């Protein structure tokens, strides 16, 4: 029995003519790799879409948390502990901006990674 297949790579078509034993050996190496390459790209959009409500919840919760941290920072500054207050204010601001910015950054990295796979 002979297995005849077609491989497409960058728009080129190449004919493959393998006997059964060679086809099985090739499939042992190629199929897991194909599943690993195709499956993440195929389901990444739906998985990212499924987590959108969780991302929105974390982003919405970041504002009250940052507000409390900033209020504590200003109270520290008022009570005379200037260094600790400024440090807390700095990290609360960076944390809030990071939480708001991280989903966009990950989307851009995903788009860049998908573009590199072409």
PDB file of N, CA and C in Angstrom:
ATOM      1  N   UNK A   1       0.844  -1.178   0.000  1.00  0.00           N
ATOM      2  CA  UNK A   1       0.000   0.000   0.000  1.00  0.00           C
ATOM      3  C   UNK A   1       0.887   1.238   0.000  1.00  0.00           C
ATOM      4  N   UNK A   2       0.568   2.214  -0.843  1.00  0.00           N
ATOM      5  CA  UNK A   2       1.327   3.457  -0.933  1.00  0.00           C
ATOM      6  C   UNK A   2       0.432   4.606  -0.497  1.00  0.00           C
ATOM      7  N   UNK A   3       0.987   5.531   0.259  1.00  0.00           N
ATOM      8  CA  UNK A   3       0.271   6.727   0.680  1.00  0.00           C
ATOM      9  C   UNK A   3       0.804   7.884  -0.149  1.00  0.00           C
ATOM     10  N   UNK A   4      -0.102   8.576  -0.843  1.00  0.00           N
ATOM     11  CA  UNK A   4       0.293   9.724  -1.647  1.00  0.00           C
ATOM     12  C   UNK A   4      -0.342  10.944  -1.012  1.00  0.00           C
ATOM     13  N   UNK A   5       0.450  11.964  -0.733  1.00  0.00           N
ATOM     14  CA  UNK A   5      -0.074  13.161  -0.099  1.00  0.00           C
ATOM     15  C   UNK A   5       0.463  14.402  -0.750  1.00  0.00           C
ATOM     16  N   UNK A   6      -0.052  15.529  -0.335  1.00  0.00           N
ATOM     17  CA  UNK A   6       0.388  16.816  -0.847  1.00  0.00           C
ATOM     18  C   UNK A   6       0.737  17.696   0.337  1.00  0.00           C
ATOM     19  N   UNK A   7       1.919  18.274   0.320  1.00  0.00           N
ATOM     20  CA  UNK A   7       2.342  19.194   1.360  1.00  0.00           C
ATOM     21  C   UNK A   7       2.348  20.602   0.786  1.00  0.00           C
ATOM     22  N   UNK A   8       1.782  21.546   1.505  1.00  0.00           N
ATOM     23  CA  UNK A   8       1.795  22.943   1.066  1.00  0.00           C
ATOM     24  C   UNK A   8       2.693  23.724   2.008  1.00  0.00           C
ATOM     25  N   UNK A   9       3.653  24.408   1.452  1.00  0.00           N
ATOM     26  CA  UNK A   9       4.563  25.213   2.249  1.00  0.00           C
ATOM     27  C   UNK A   9       4.822  26.517   1.517  1.00  0.00           C
ATOM     28  N   UNK A  10       4.340  27.607   2.078  1.00  0.00           N
ATOM     29  CA  UNK A  10       4.527  28.937   1.502  1.00  0.00           C
ATOM     30  C   UNK A  10       4.037  29.022   0.061  1.00  0.00           C
ATOM     31  N   UNK A  11       2.876  28.419  -0.188  1.00  0.00           N
ATOM     32  CA  UNK A  11       2.265  28.518  -1.500  1.00  0.00           C
ATOM     33  C   UNK A  11       2.746  27.487  -2.504  1.00  0.00           C
ATOM     34  N   UNK A  12       3.745  26.700  -2.174  1.00  0.00           N
ATOM     35  CA  UNK A  12       4.250  25.674  -3.084  1.00  0.00           C
ATOM     36  C   UNK A  12       3.586  24.345  -2.766  1.00  0.00           C
ATOM     37  N   UNK A  13       3.350  23.560  -3.791  1.00  0.00           N
ATOM     38  CA  UNK A  13       2.769  22.238  -3.608  1.00  0.00           C
ATOM     39  C   UNK A  13       3.817  21.197  -3.960  1.00  0.00           C
ATOM     40  N   UNK A  14       4.014  20.243  -3.060  1.00  0.00           N
ATOM     41  CA  UNK A  14       5.024  19.205  -3.251  1.00  0.00           C
ATOM     42  C   UNK A  14       4.333  17.861  -3.097  1.00  0.00           C
ATOM     43  N   UNK A  15       4.535  16.958  -4.036  1.00  0.00           N
ATOM     44  CA  UNK A  15       3.956  15.623  -3.944  1.00  0.00           C
ATOM     45  C   UNK A  15       4.797  14.726  -3.058  1.00  0.00           C
ATOM     46  N   UNK A  16       4.147  13.882  -2.290  1.00  0.00           N
ATOM     47  CA  UNK A  16       4.845  12.958  -1.394  1.00  0.00           C
ATOM     48  C   UNK A  16       4.327  11.555  -1.688  1.00  0.00           C
ATOM     49  N   UNK A  17       5.232  10.618  -1.838  1.00  0.00           N
ATOM     50  CA  UNK A  17       4.863   9.242  -2.128  1.00  0.00           C
ATOM     51  C   UNK A  17       5.570   8.357  -1.107  1.00  0.00           C
ATOM     52  N   UNK A  18       4.838   7.861  -0.112  1.00  0.00           N
ATOM     53  CA  UNK A  18       5.428   7.086   0.980  1.00  0.00           C
ATOM     54  C   UNK A  18       4.756   5.728   1.080  1.00  0.00           C
ATOM     55  N   UNK A  19       5.529   4.731   1.527  1.00  0.00           N
ATOM     56  CA  UNK A  19       4.890   3.467   1.851  1.00  0.00           C
ATOM     57  C   UNK A  19       4.263   3.581   3.240  1.00  0.00           C
ATOM     58  N   UNK A  20       3.480   2.604   3.631  1.00  0.00           N
ATOM     59  CA  UNK A  20       2.715   2.681   4.874  1.00  0.00           C
ATOM     60  C   UNK A  20       3.620   2.841   6.102  1.00  0.00           C
ATOM     61  N   UNK A  21       4.699   2.086   6.166  1.00  0.00           N
ATOM     62  CA  UNK A  21       5.589   2.139   7.330  1.00  0.00           C
ATOM     63  C   UNK A  21       6.210   3.535   7.470  1.00  0.00           C
ATOM     64  N   UNK A  22       6.650   4.112   6.363  1.00  0.00           N
ATOM     65  CA  UNK A  22       7.237   5.451   6.411  1.00  0.00           C
ATOM     66  C   UNK A  22       6.197   6.504   6.751  1.00  0.00           C
ATOM     67  N   UNK A  23       4.972   6.315   6.249  1.00  0.00           N
ATOM     68  CA  UNK A  23       3.896   7.272   6.535  1.00  0.00           C
ATOM     69  C   UNK A  23       3.549   7.265   8.015  1.00  0.00           C
ATOM     70  N   UNK A  24       3.506   6.083   8.613  1.00  0.00           N
ATOM     71  CA  UNK A  24       3.202   5.977  10.049  1.00  0.00           C
ATOM     72  C   UNK A  24       4.318   6.614  10.862  1.00  0.00           C
ATOM     73  N   UNK A  25       5.564   6.374  10.469  1.00  0.00           N
ATOM     74  CA  UNK A  25       6.698   6.959  11.184  1.00  0.00           C
ATOM     75  C   UNK A  25       6.683   8.484  11.073  1.00  0.00           C
ATOM     76  N   UNK A  26       6.383   8.988   9.871  1.00  0.00           N
ATOM     77  CA  UNK A  26       6.299  10.431   9.673  1.00  0.00           C
ATOM     78  C   UNK A  26       5.154  11.025  10.489  1.00  0.00           C
ATOM     79  N   UNK A  27       4.022  10.342  10.526  1.00  0.00           N
ATOM     80  CA  UNK A  27       2.848  10.840  11.255  1.00  0.00           C
ATOM     81  C   UNK A  27       3.122  10.926  12.758  1.00  0.00           C
ATOM     82  N   UNK A  28       3.950  10.021  13.282  1.00  0.00           N
ATOM     83  CA  UNK A  28       4.276  10.062  14.701  1.00  0.00           C
ATOM     84  C   UNK A  28       4.979  11.356  15.077  1.00  0.00           C
ATOM     85  N   UNK A  29       5.747  11.925  14.156  1.00  0.00           N
ATOM     86  CA  UNK A  29       6.465  13.156  14.441  1.00  0.00           C
ATOM     87  C   UNK A  29       5.704  14.396  13.991  1.00  0.00           C
ATOM     88  N   UNK A  30       5.006  14.303  12.871  1.00  0.00           N
ATOM     89  CA  UNK A  30       4.386  15.480  12.275  1.00  0.00           C
ATOM     90  C   UNK A  30       3.047  15.810  12.920  1.00  0.00           C
ATOM     91  N   UNK A  31       2.206  14.823  13.192  1.00  0.00           N
ATOM     92  CA  UNK A  31       0.870  15.107  13.711  1.00  0.00           C
ATOM     93  C   UNK A  31       0.881  15.809  15.064  1.00  0.00           C
ATOM     94  N   UNK A  32       1.670  15.379  16.045  1.00  0.00           N
ATOM     95  CA  UNK A  32       1.687  16.141  17.297  1.00  0.00           C
ATOM     96  C   UNK A  32       2.163  17.573  17.098  1.00  0.00           C
ATOM     97  N   UNK A  33       3.134  17.765  16.211  1.00  0.00           N
ATOM     98  CA  UNK A  33       3.629  19.102  15.936  1.00  0.00           C
ATOM     99  C   UNK A  33       2.546  19.949  15.272  1.00  0.00           C
ATOM    100  N   UNK A  34       1.790  19.356  14.354  1.00  0.00           N
ATOM    101  CA  UNK A  34       0.710  20.072  13.679  1.00  0.00           C
ATOM    102  C   UNK A  34      -0.362  20.463  14.675  1.00  0.00           C
ATOM    103  N   UNK A  35      -0.700  19.568  15.583  1.00  0.00           N
ATOM    104  CA  UNK A  35      -1.716  19.877  16.594  1.00  0.00           C
ATOM    105  C   UNK A  35      -1.236  21.007  17.489  1.00  0.00           C
ATOM    106  N   UNK A  36       0.051  20.991  17.852  1.00  0.00           N
ATOM    107  CA  UNK A  36       0.573  22.044  18.713  1.00  0.00           C
ATOM    108  C   UNK A  36       0.598  23.391  17.996  1.00  0.00           C
ATOM    109  N   UNK A  37       0.858  23.397  16.690  1.00  0.00           N
ATOM    110  CA  UNK A  37       0.943  24.656  15.963  1.00  0.00           C
ATOM    111  C   UNK A  37      -0.440  25.180  15.597  1.00  0.00           C
ATOM    112  N   UNK A  38      -1.333  24.316  15.132  1.00  0.00           N
ATOM    113  CA  UNK A  38      -2.636  24.757  14.639  1.00  0.00           C
ATOM    114  C   UNK A  38      -3.606  25.021  15.776  1.00  0.00           C
ATOM    115  N   UNK A  39      -3.648  24.172  16.781  1.00  0.00           N
ATOM    116  CA  UNK A  39      -4.664  24.306  17.817  1.00  0.00           C
ATOM    117  C   UNK A  39      -4.588  25.617  18.595  1.00  0.00           C
ATOM    118  N   UNK A  40      -3.415  26.079  19.028  1.00  0.00           N
ATOM    119  CA  UNK A  40      -3.408  27.344  19.755  1.00  0.00           C
ATOM    120  C   UNK A  40      -3.915  28.521  18.925  1.00  0.00           C
ATOM    121  N   UNK A  41      -3.550  28.598  17.665  1.00  0.00           N
ATOM    122  CA  UNK A  41      -4.019  29.684  16.823  1.00  0.00           C
ATOM    123  C   UNK A  41      -5.506  29.604  16.566  1.00  0.00           C
ATOM    124  N   UNK A  42      -6.030  28.380  16.451  1.00  0.00           N
ATOM    125  CA  UNK A  42      -7.442  28.206  16.139  1.00  0.00           C
ATOM    126  C   UNK A  42      -8.329  28.562  17.322  1.00  0.00           C
ATOM    127  N   UNK A  43      -7.864  28.307  18.523  1.00  0.00           N
ATOM    128  CA  UNK A  43      -8.704  28.524  19.692  1.00  0.00           C
ATOM    129  C   UNK A  43      -8.296  29.729  20.525  1.00  0.00           C
ATOM    130  N   UNK A  44      -7.215  30.379  20.166  1.00  0.00           N
ATOM    131  CA  UNK A  44      -6.732  31.503  20.971  1.00  0.00           C
ATOM    132  C   UNK A  44      -7.740  32.642  20.995  1.00  0.00           C
ATOM    133  N   UNK A  45      -8.372  32.921  19.860  1.00  0.00           N
ATOM    134  CA  UNK A  45      -9.335  34.020  19.805  1.00  0.00           C
ATOM    135  C   UNK A  45     -10.551  33.722  20.664  1.00  0.00           C
ATOM    136  N   UNK A  46     -11.060  32.486  20.599  1.00  0.00           N
ATOM    137  CA  UNK A  46     -12.239  32.155  21.391  1.00  0.00           C
ATOM    138  C   UNK A  46     -11.908  32.111  22.883  1.00  0.00           C
ATOM    139  N   UNK A  47     -10.715  31.665  23.224  1.00  0.00           N
ATOM    140  CA  UNK A  47     -10.311  31.630  24.627  1.00  0.00           C
ATOM    141  C   UNK A  47     -10.120  33.045  25.162  1.00  0.00           C
ATOM    142  N   UNK A  48      -9.496  33.900  24.369  1.00  0.00           N
ATOM    143  CA  UNK A  48      -9.329  35.293  24.775  1.00  0.00           C
ATOM    144  C   UNK A  48     -10.680  35.972  24.916  1.00  0.00           C
ATOM    145  N   UNK A  49     -11.596  35.660  24.015  1.00  0.00           N
ATOM    146  CA  UNK A  49     -12.942  36.239  24.090  1.00  0.00           C
ATOM    147  C   UNK A  49     -13.675  35.753  25.341  1.00  0.00           C
ATOM    148  N   UNK A  50     -13.456  34.501  25.730  1.00  0.00           N
ATOM    149  CA  UNK A  50     -14.115  33.949  26.909  1.00  0.00           C
ATOM    150  C   UNK A  50     -13.637  34.626  28.192  1.00  0.00           C
ATOM    151  N   UNK A  51     -12.386  35.082  28.216  1.00  0.00           N
ATOM    152  CA  UNK A  51     -11.842  35.711  29.417  1.00  0.00           C
ATOM    153  C   UNK A  51     -12.037  37.219  29.463  1.00  0.00           C
ATOM    154  N   UNK A  52     -12.649  37.804  28.441  1.00  0.00           N
ATOM    155  CA  UNK A  52     -12.875  39.258  28.427  1.00  0.00           C
ATOM    156  C   UNK A  52     -13.626  39.751  29.663  1.00  0.00           C
ATOM    157  N   UNK A  53     -14.704  39.074  30.108  1.00  0.00           N
ATOM    158  CA  UNK A  53     -15.393  39.562  31.312  1.00  0.00           C
ATOM    159  C   UNK A  53     -14.502  39.552  32.563  1.00  0.00           C
ATOM    160  N   UNK A  54     -13.630  38.568  32.671  1.00  0.00           N
ATOM    161  CA  UNK A  54     -12.712  38.511  33.816  1.00  0.00           C
ATOM    162  C   UNK A  54     -11.722  39.663  33.753  1.00  0.00           C
ATOM    163  N   UNK A  55     -11.211  39.931  32.548  1.00  0.00           N
ATOM    164  CA  UNK A  55     -10.261  41.040  32.369  1.00  0.00           C
ATOM    165  C   UNK A  55     -10.947  42.357  32.719  1.00  0.00           C
ATOM    166  N   UNK A  56     -12.186  42.544  32.256  1.00  0.00           N
ATOM    167  CA  UNK A  56     -12.937  43.777  32.569  1.00  0.00           C
ATOM    168  C   UNK A  56     -13.168  43.910  34.070  1.00  0.00           C
ATOM    169  N   UNK A  57     -13.465  42.791  34.730  1.00  0.00           N
ATOM    170  CA  UNK A  57     -13.690  42.825  36.182  1.00  0.00           C
ATOM    171  C   UNK A  57     -12.427  43.259  36.913  1.00  0.00           C
ATOM    172  N   UNK A  58     -11.280  42.726  36.520  1.00  0.00           N
ATOM    173  CA  UNK A  58     -10.012  43.097  37.157  1.00  0.00           C
ATOM    174  C   UNK A  58      -9.702  44.569  36.884  1.00  0.00           C
ATOM    175  N   UNK A  59      -9.948  45.014  35.646  1.00  0.00           N
ATOM    176  CA  UNK A  59      -9.701  46.418  35.322  1.00  0.00           C
ATOM    177  C   UNK A  59     -10.615  47.341  36.125  1.00  0.00           C
ATOM    178  N   UNK A  60     -11.869  46.952  36.272  1.00  0.00           N
ATOM    179  CA  UNK A  60     -12.798  47.778  37.048  1.00  0.00           C
ATOM    180  C   UNK A  60     -12.460  47.779  38.536  1.00  0.00           C
ATOM    181  N   UNK A  61     -11.943  46.663  39.043  1.00  0.00           N
ATOM    182  CA  UNK A  61     -11.569  46.590  40.455  1.00  0.00           C
ATOM    183  C   UNK A  61     -10.278  47.326  40.747  1.00  0.00           C
ATOM    184  N   UNK A  62      -9.471  47.580  39.719  1.00  0.00           N
ATOM    185  CA  UNK A  62      -8.188  48.253  39.925  1.00  0.00           C
ATOM    186  C   UNK A  62      -8.370  49.701  40.380  1.00  0.00           C
ATOM    187  N   UNK A  63      -9.421  50.359  39.936  1.00  0.00           N
ATOM    188  CA  UNK A  63      -9.604  51.767  40.298  1.00  0.00           C
ATOM    189  C   UNK A  63      -9.846  51.962  41.794  1.00  0.00           C
ATOM    190  N   UNK A  64     -10.784  51.231  42.424  1.00  0.00           N
ATOM    191  CA  UNK A  64     -10.945  51.428  43.869  1.00  0.00           C
ATOM    192  C   UNK A  64      -9.711  51.028  44.683  1.00  0.00           C
ATOM    193  N   UNK A  65      -9.021  49.986  44.237  1.00  0.00           N
ATOM    194  CA  UNK A  65      -7.817  49.560  44.952  1.00  0.00           C
ATOM    195  C   UNK A  65      -6.739  50.640  44.848  1.00  0.00           C
ATOM    196  N   UNK A  66      -6.560  51.196  43.654  1.00  0.00           N
ATOM    197  CA  UNK A  66      -5.575  52.267  43.471  1.00  0.00           C
ATOM    198  C   UNK A  66      -5.986  53.508  44.257  1.00  0.00           C
ATOM    199  N   UNK A  67      -7.275  53.785  44.321  1.00  0.00           N
ATOM    200  CA  UNK A  67      -7.752  54.941  45.070  1.00  0.00           C
ATOM    201  C   UNK A  67      -7.436  54.803  46.565  1.00  0.00           C
ATOM    202  N   UNK A  68      -7.651  53.621  47.100  1.00  0.00           N
ATOM    203  CA  UNK A  68      -7.329  53.377  48.515  1.00  0.00           C
ATOM    204  C   UNK A  68      -5.824  53.513  48.745  1.00  0.00           C
ATOM    205  N   UNK A  69      -5.022  52.922  47.838  1.00  0.00           N
ATOM    206  CA  UNK A  69      -3.567  53.006  47.994  1.00  0.00           C
ATOM    207  C   UNK A  69      -3.084  54.448  47.893  1.00  0.00           C
ATOM    208  N   UNK A  70      -3.673  55.221  46.979  1.00  0.00           N
ATOM    209  CA  UNK A  70      -3.275  56.628  46.838  1.00  0.00           C
ATOM    210  C   UNK A  70      -3.708  57.453  48.043  1.00  0.00           C
ATOM    211  N   UNK A  71      -4.885  57.145  48.575  1.00  0.00           N
ATOM    212  CA  UNK A  71      -5.343  57.851  49.777  1.00  0.00           C
ATOM    213  C   UNK A  71      -4.400  57.574  50.942  1.00  0.00           C
ATOM    214  N   UNK A  72      -4.003  56.308  51.098  1.00  0.00           N
ATOM    215  CA  UNK A  72      -3.035  55.967  52.146  1.00  0.00           C
ATOM    216  C   UNK A  72      -1.698  56.662  51.912  1.00  0.00           C
ATOM    217  N   UNK A  73      -1.312  56.789  50.629  1.00  0.00           N
ATOM    218  CA  UNK A  73      -0.057  57.479  50.308  1.00  0.00           C
ATOM    219  C   UNK A  73      -0.123  58.941  50.723  1.00  0.00           C
ATOM    220  N   UNK A  74      -1.239  59.601  50.424  1.00  0.00           N
ATOM    221  CA  UNK A  74      -1.374  61.013  50.816  1.00  0.00           C
ATOM    222  C   UNK A  74      -1.452  61.181  52.324  1.00  0.00           C
ATOM    223  N   UNK A  75      -2.064  60.210  53.004  1.00  0.00           N
ATOM    224  CA  UNK A  75      -2.085  60.263  54.477  1.00  0.00           C
ATOM    225  C   UNK A  75      -0.677  60.079  55.044  1.00  0.00           C
ATOM    226  N   UNK A  76       0.114  59.211  54.399  1.00  0.00           N
ATOM    227  CA  UNK A  76       1.504  59.035  54.848  1.00  0.00           C
ATOM    228  C   UNK A  76       2.297  60.315  54.655  1.00  0.00           C
ATOM    229  N   UNK A  77       2.093  60.983  53.518  1.00  0.00           N
ATOM    230  CA  UNK A  77       2.777  62.247  53.260  1.00  0.00           C
ATOM    231  C   UNK A  77       2.349  63.296  54.283  1.00  0.00           C
ATOM    232  N   UNK A  78       1.042  63.336  54.575  1.00  0.00           N
ATOM    233  CA  UNK A  78       0.517  64.307  55.533  1.00  0.00           C
ATOM    234  C   UNK A  78       1.068  64.075  56.937  1.00  0.00           C
ATOM    235  N   UNK A  79       1.240  62.813  57.301  1.00  0.00           N
ATOM    236  CA  UNK A  79       1.731  62.504  58.644  1.00  0.00           C
ATOM    237  C   UNK A  79       3.244  62.646  58.764  1.00  0.00           C
ATOM    238  N   UNK A  80       3.914  63.030  57.678  1.00  0.00           N
ATOM    239  CA  UNK A  80       5.341  63.306  57.780  1.00  0.00           C
ATOM    240  C   UNK A  80       6.233  62.237  57.200  1.00  0.00           C
ATOM    241  N   UNK A  81       5.670  61.150  56.752  1.00  0.00           N
ATOM    242  CA  UNK A  81       6.482  60.084  56.174  1.00  0.00           C
ATOM    243  C   UNK A  81       6.493  60.256  54.649  1.00  0.00           C
ATOM    244  N   UNK A  82       7.217  61.267  54.207  1.00  0.00           N
ATOM    245  CA  UNK A  82       7.223  61.677  52.810  1.00  0.00           C
ATOM    246  C   UNK A  82       7.730  60.574  51.874  1.00  0.00           C
ATOM    247  N   UNK A  83       8.832  59.936  52.228  1.00  0.00           N
ATOM    248  CA  UNK A  83       9.439  58.927  51.363  1.00  0.00           C
ATOM    249  C   UNK A  83       8.502  57.744  51.138  1.00  0.00           C
ATOM    250  N   UNK A  84       7.910  57.218  52.205  1.00  0.00           N
ATOM    251  CA  UNK A  84       6.985  56.092  52.072  1.00  0.00           C
ATOM    252  C   UNK A  84       5.738  56.490  51.293  1.00  0.00           C
ATOM    253  N   UNK A  85       5.234  57.693  51.510  1.00  0.00           N
ATOM    254  CA  UNK A  85       4.039  58.159  50.810  1.00  0.00           C
ATOM    255  C   UNK A  85       4.262  58.305  49.318  1.00  0.00           C
ATOM    256  N   UNK A  86       5.386  58.904  48.954  1.00  0.00           N
ATOM    257  CA  UNK A  86       5.695  59.080  47.531  1.00  0.00           C
ATOM    258  C   UNK A  86       5.928  57.720  46.871  1.00  0.00           C
ATOM    259  N   UNK A  87       6.601  56.827  47.570  1.00  0.00           N
ATOM    260  CA  UNK A  87       6.846  55.494  47.028  1.00  0.00           C
ATOM    261  C   UNK A  87       5.528  54.744  46.811  1.00  0.00           C
ATOM    262  N   UNK A  88       4.635  54.799  47.797  1.00  0.00           N
ATOM    263  CA  UNK A  88       3.334  54.142  47.672  1.00  0.00           C
ATOM    264  C   UNK A  88       2.511  54.763  46.547  1.00  0.00           C
ATOM    265  N   UNK A  89       2.561  56.083  46.421  1.00  0.00           N
ATOM    266  CA  UNK A  89       1.839  56.779  45.358  1.00  0.00           C
ATOM    267  C   UNK A  89       2.377  56.368  43.985  1.00  0.00           C
ATOM    268  N   UNK A  90       3.677  56.262  43.879  1.00  0.00           N
ATOM    269  CA  UNK A  90       4.310  55.850  42.614  1.00  0.00           C
ATOM    270  C   UNK A  90       3.866  54.453  42.215  1.00  0.00           C
ATOM    271  N   UNK A  91       3.920  53.498  43.141  1.00  0.00           N
ATOM    272  CA  UNK A  91       3.584  52.121  42.804  1.00  0.00           C
ATOM    273  C   UNK A  91       2.093  51.923  42.587  1.00  0.00           C
ATOM    274  N   UNK A  92       1.262  52.682  43.274  1.00  0.00           N
ATOM    275  CA  UNK A  92      -0.180  52.600  43.025  1.00  0.00           C
ATOM    276  C   UNK A  92      -0.502  53.093  41.618  1.00  0.00           C
ATOM    277  N   UNK A  93       0.158  54.157  41.205  1.00  0.00           N
ATOM    278  CA  UNK A  93      -0.055  54.697  39.859  1.00  0.00           C
ATOM    279  C   UNK A  93       0.435  53.728  38.796  1.00  0.00           C
ATOM    280  N   UNK A  94       1.626  53.188  38.990  1.00  0.00           N
ATOM    281  CA  UNK A  94       2.176  52.230  38.026  1.00  0.00           C
ATOM    282  C   UNK A  94       1.305  50.981  37.954  1.00  0.00           C
ATOM    283  N   UNK A  95       0.832  50.504  39.089  1.00  0.00           N
ATOM    284  CA  UNK A  95      -0.034  49.321  39.112  1.00  0.00           C
ATOM    285  C   UNK A  95      -1.344  49.552  38.379  1.00  0.00           C
ATOM    286  N   UNK A  96      -1.960  50.698  38.612  1.00  0.00           N
ATOM    287  CA  UNK A  96      -3.228  51.006  37.947  1.00  0.00           C
ATOM    288  C   UNK A  96      -3.046  51.106  36.438  1.00  0.00           C
ATOM    289  N   UNK A  97      -2.017  51.829  36.015  1.00  0.00           N
ATOM    290  CA  UNK A  97      -1.756  51.963  34.575  1.00  0.00           C
ATOM    291  C   UNK A  97      -1.415  50.604  33.966  1.00  0.00           C
ATOM    292  N   UNK A  98      -0.665  49.798  34.679  1.00  0.00           N
ATOM    293  CA  UNK A  98      -0.311  48.468  34.178  1.00  0.00           C
ATOM    294  C   UNK A  98      -1.513  47.567  34.002  1.00  0.00           C
ATOM    295  N   UNK A  99      -2.429  47.590  34.963  1.00  0.00           N
ATOM    296  CA  UNK A  99      -3.640  46.760  34.857  1.00  0.00           C
ATOM    297  C   UNK A  99      -4.494  47.199  33.670  1.00  0.00           C
ATOM    298  N   UNK A 100      -4.560  48.498  33.436  1.00  0.00           N
ATOM    299  CA  UNK A 100      -5.350  48.999  32.309  1.00  0.00           C
ATOM    300  C   UNK A 100      -4.653  48.714  30.972  1.00  0.00           C
ATOM    301  N   UNK A 101      -3.347  48.722  30.961  1.00  0.00           N
ATOM    302  CA  UNK A 101      -2.553  48.630  29.741  1.00  0.00           C
ATOM    303  C   UNK A 101      -2.223  47.192  29.343  1.00  0.00           C
ATOM    304  N   UNK A 102      -2.158  46.268  30.299  1.00  0.00           N
ATOM    305  CA  UNK A 102      -1.702  44.903  30.041  1.00  0.00           C
ATOM    306  C   UNK A 102      -2.532  44.155  28.991  1.00  0.00           C
ATOM    307  N   UNK A 103      -3.868  44.193  29.023  1.00  0.00           N
ATOM    308  CA  UNK A 103      -4.609  43.463  27.983  1.00  0.00           C
ATOM    309  C   UNK A 103      -4.315  43.961  26.570  1.00  0.00           C
ATOM    310  N   UNK A 104      -4.176  45.273  26.398  1.00  0.00           N
ATOM    311  CA  UNK A 104      -3.844  45.806  25.085  1.00  0.00           C
ATOM    312  C   UNK A 104      -2.463  45.341  24.646  1.00  0.00           C
ATOM    313  N   UNK A 105      -1.512  45.362  25.570  1.00  0.00           N
ATOM    314  CA  UNK A 105      -0.158  44.935  25.250  1.00  0.00           C
ATOM    315  C   UNK A 105      -0.125  43.466  24.839  1.00  0.00           C
ATOM    316  N   UNK A 106      -0.846  42.616  25.566  1.00  0.00           N
ATOM    317  CA  UNK A 106      -0.885  41.200  25.220  1.00  0.00           C
ATOM    318  C   UNK A 106      -1.572  40.975  23.877  1.00  0.00           C
ATOM    319  N   UNK A 107      -2.613  41.750  23.561  1.00  0.00           N
ATOM    320  CA  UNK A 107      -3.240  41.655  22.242  1.00  0.00           C
ATOM    321  C   UNK A 107      -2.252  42.010  21.139  1.00  0.00           C
ATOM    322  N   UNK A 108      -1.456  43.051  21.358  1.00  0.00           N
ATOM    323  CA  UNK A 108      -0.466  43.446  20.358  1.00  0.00           C
ATOM    324  C   UNK A 108       0.613  42.388  20.196  1.00  0.00           C
ATOM    325  N   UNK A 109       1.036  41.772  21.292  1.00  0.00           N
ATOM    326  CA  UNK A 109       2.020  40.695  21.201  1.00  0.00           C
ATOM    327  C   UNK A 109       1.449  39.487  20.470  1.00  0.00           C
ATOM    328  N   UNK A 110       0.170  39.202  20.707  1.00  0.00           N
ATOM    329  CA  UNK A 110      -0.486  38.089  20.025  1.00  0.00           C
ATOM    330  C   UNK A 110      -0.555  38.354  18.517  1.00  0.00           C
ATOM    331  N   UNK A 111      -0.938  39.570  18.140  1.00  0.00           N
ATOM    332  CA  UNK A 111      -1.004  39.926  16.721  1.00  0.00           C
ATOM    333  C   UNK A 111       0.380  39.822  16.087  1.00  0.00           C
ATOM    334  N   UNK A 112       1.407  40.290  16.781  1.00  0.00           N
ATOM    335  CA  UNK A 112       2.775  40.212  16.250  1.00  0.00           C
ATOM    336  C   UNK A 112       3.230  38.754  16.112  1.00  0.00           C
ATOM    337  N   UNK A 113       2.894  37.930  17.088  1.00  0.00           N
ATOM    338  CA  UNK A 113       3.283  36.512  17.022  1.00  0.00           C
ATOM    339  C   UNK A 113       2.566  35.796  15.895  1.00  0.00           C
ATOM    340  N   UNK A 114       1.309  36.119  15.676  1.00  0.00           N
ATOM    341  CA  UNK A 114       0.568  35.490  14.580  1.00  0.00           C
ATOM    342  C   UNK A 114       1.120  35.955  13.230  1.00  0.00           C
ATOM    343  N   UNK A 115       1.567  37.204  13.167  1.00  0.00           N
ATOM    344  CA  UNK A 115       2.158  37.720  11.938  1.00  0.00           C
ATOM    345  C   UNK A 115       3.491  37.083  11.630  1.00  0.00           C
ATOM    346  N   UNK A 116       4.253  36.724  12.651  1.00  0.00           N
ATOM    347  CA  UNK A 116       5.556  36.093  12.453  1.00  0.00           C
ATOM    348  C   UNK A 116       5.400  34.648  12.005  1.00  0.00           C
ATOM    349  N   UNK A 117       4.261  34.041  12.292  1.00  0.00           N
ATOM    350  CA  UNK A 117       4.034  32.643  11.916  1.00  0.00           C
ATOM    351  C   UNK A 117       3.761  32.466  10.442  1.00  0.00           C
ATOM    352  N   UNK A 118       3.492  33.547   9.705  1.00  0.00           N
ATOM    353  CA  UNK A 118       3.200  33.437   8.262  1.00  0.00           C
ATOM    354  C   UNK A 118       4.430  33.094   7.475  1.00  0.00           C
TER     355      UNK A 118
END
